[in-house]
Amino acid sequence: MKKTLRSPLLVLTFTDSEKQPNALLNLNYEPALEHLGDDFFDRVSAAQFPQQILRFRNNDVLQQIGLDPKSVTDADFTEAFGQFHGREPFLALRYHGYQFGEYNPFLGDGRGFLYGQVRAIDGELYDFGTKGSGTTPYSRGGDGRLTLKGGVREVLAAEMLHRMGVRTSRCLSLVETGESLYRGDEPSPTRSSVMIRFSRSHIRFGTFERLAYLDRKDLIAILLDHVIESYYPHLVEQPDRYALFYTELVQKVADLAAQWMASGFCHAVLNTDNMSVTGESFDYGPFAFIETYNPQFTAAYFDYGGRYSYGNQPGICLWNLEKLHAPLQKVVAIADLESASSNFEAHYQKAYQQRMLYRLGFDQLETAQELVYQTVQFLNDSQVEYHNFFSELTNQFSRHWREQPELIFKDVVMPDAALVNLLDRWRQIYHQALNQFPEDYMLEIADRLVQYNPEVSLLRPTIESVWAAITEEDNWTPFHQLLDQIQAKNFRSQ
């Protein structure tokens, strides 16, 4: 079929086969994981969907992989990530995992697959992984689909975590697919979608646990070599590279847990199959950001015992790391593994203190421990809104606080004398911290507050209001407005 474009000066004629190539299909995909062989995955096909409507595209990620967003059309997205034309094979990864403390050998990618792997402009290898792309050998009777609400929630959560400096996967695209789904935890029928997750790796702790379950020491070594070569290349030539990998993983996971805790984020389902070998947030389910500081807060309605409560997250991350000893000790001395995991708590405490310092405006501070302790104490005892505390600190911050401590949160009214005293104590400590630096450092504090403290929070009522506009009116404006607010990072000077 021929198409003609007319202008006052010339007529251009071209065929469909001559149209601009799809930039997403013409990326330099690397078969890094595919080259490991069929012991690690199953080759699968994507479902055929009745409809493809692009609801979200991440132009920031496009630039990260070297693409000019102007060169990638919405039709490119729907062709590649809704119709799944032009790419194969797709790999459903095999893994096991501890789910709520119980070992489950019947897992694996049940509603997604590895779409492809690309090298970003930072030189690192990244995965495109699907969610909601259809059934696989591991669907266990499920339909292999993703609800549109689930996709909307993950887009928002990933962008908020990224905005707050948390190491996280992100969503490259979300396509509505025109099916009606039935779910026990959503009003049904509900709308369907398919999402592309952009992450450093989809290899999980549970990927190694499966190999230990099968007693395949040889495959554990092959997978470890792949992980080190792909994500820890500075260790490749080290004779004790396996032990060093685990040592670094412990530190990365400790850092990640600290980032979640300082950000007020509750992952909700920290099973070992939801833990990445690159120490990155991914595959969170019914996540939530806390409203007030509450270590007992639990995000998942089905987490009856509070195993994955907000305050339990660091300890659960360590538990998951220790469960990784079983597969790794087939190729690493158990003493080396135990030595590395014994350092988790120290890494975590240091990272948490640093992350809280950032949220308070500092990069270093002699009295850091006291300031962070008093901040957490005030947040716990006062039960002020957690995210509002940091956003108001950012909005109200003034260089005059350095000379006049009574101006710090001067309009805040506490309901009783004990909380008044607690706030006064916090004011004095924050004032003392400001006076450890010269006056021109106040500009750095103001900018750092903006960097780490978004004005908008992602509490459940906010997400529900966005979803209500979508489901009741098909109005996507609040969704995109919220994303714009999340992604805004305008530095200021005072």
Foldseek 3Di string as FASTA:
>chain_A
DKDWDDDPPDIDIDDPVPDDDAPVLPAPFDCLVVVLDDVWWDFDDFDAFPDWDWDDADQVVCVQQPHHVVSHDPVSCCVCFVRVPNFDGWTWGAFWWQFPNRTGRLATLAQKTFRTWHQTPVRAIKTWMKQARAGDPRVVPPGSWDFPLQVLVQQLVQLLLVLQVAFAKHWRTKIWRPDFDDDPVDPGRGTTIMTIIIHRDLDFLRSLVNCLVVVPLVSNVSVLLSCCVRQVVVLNPPPQSLLVLLLVQLLLLLLNLLSCLLQQKQLQTPMRSQADSNSHHDDRGQIFRDFFDDQQAHRDPPPVVSCRGSVNRLVVSLVSSVVSLSSSCSPHPSVSSVVSSVCNVVSNVVSNLQSNCLLQQDNDFPCSVVLVVLVSVLRVVQVHGSLVVSLVCLVQDDLCLLVPLCSRPVVDDGPDDVSVVSVVVSSVVSSVRSPVDDSVCSLSSNLSSLSNRQNDDDGPVLSVVCVCCCVVPVDNVSSVVSSVSSNDRDRDGD
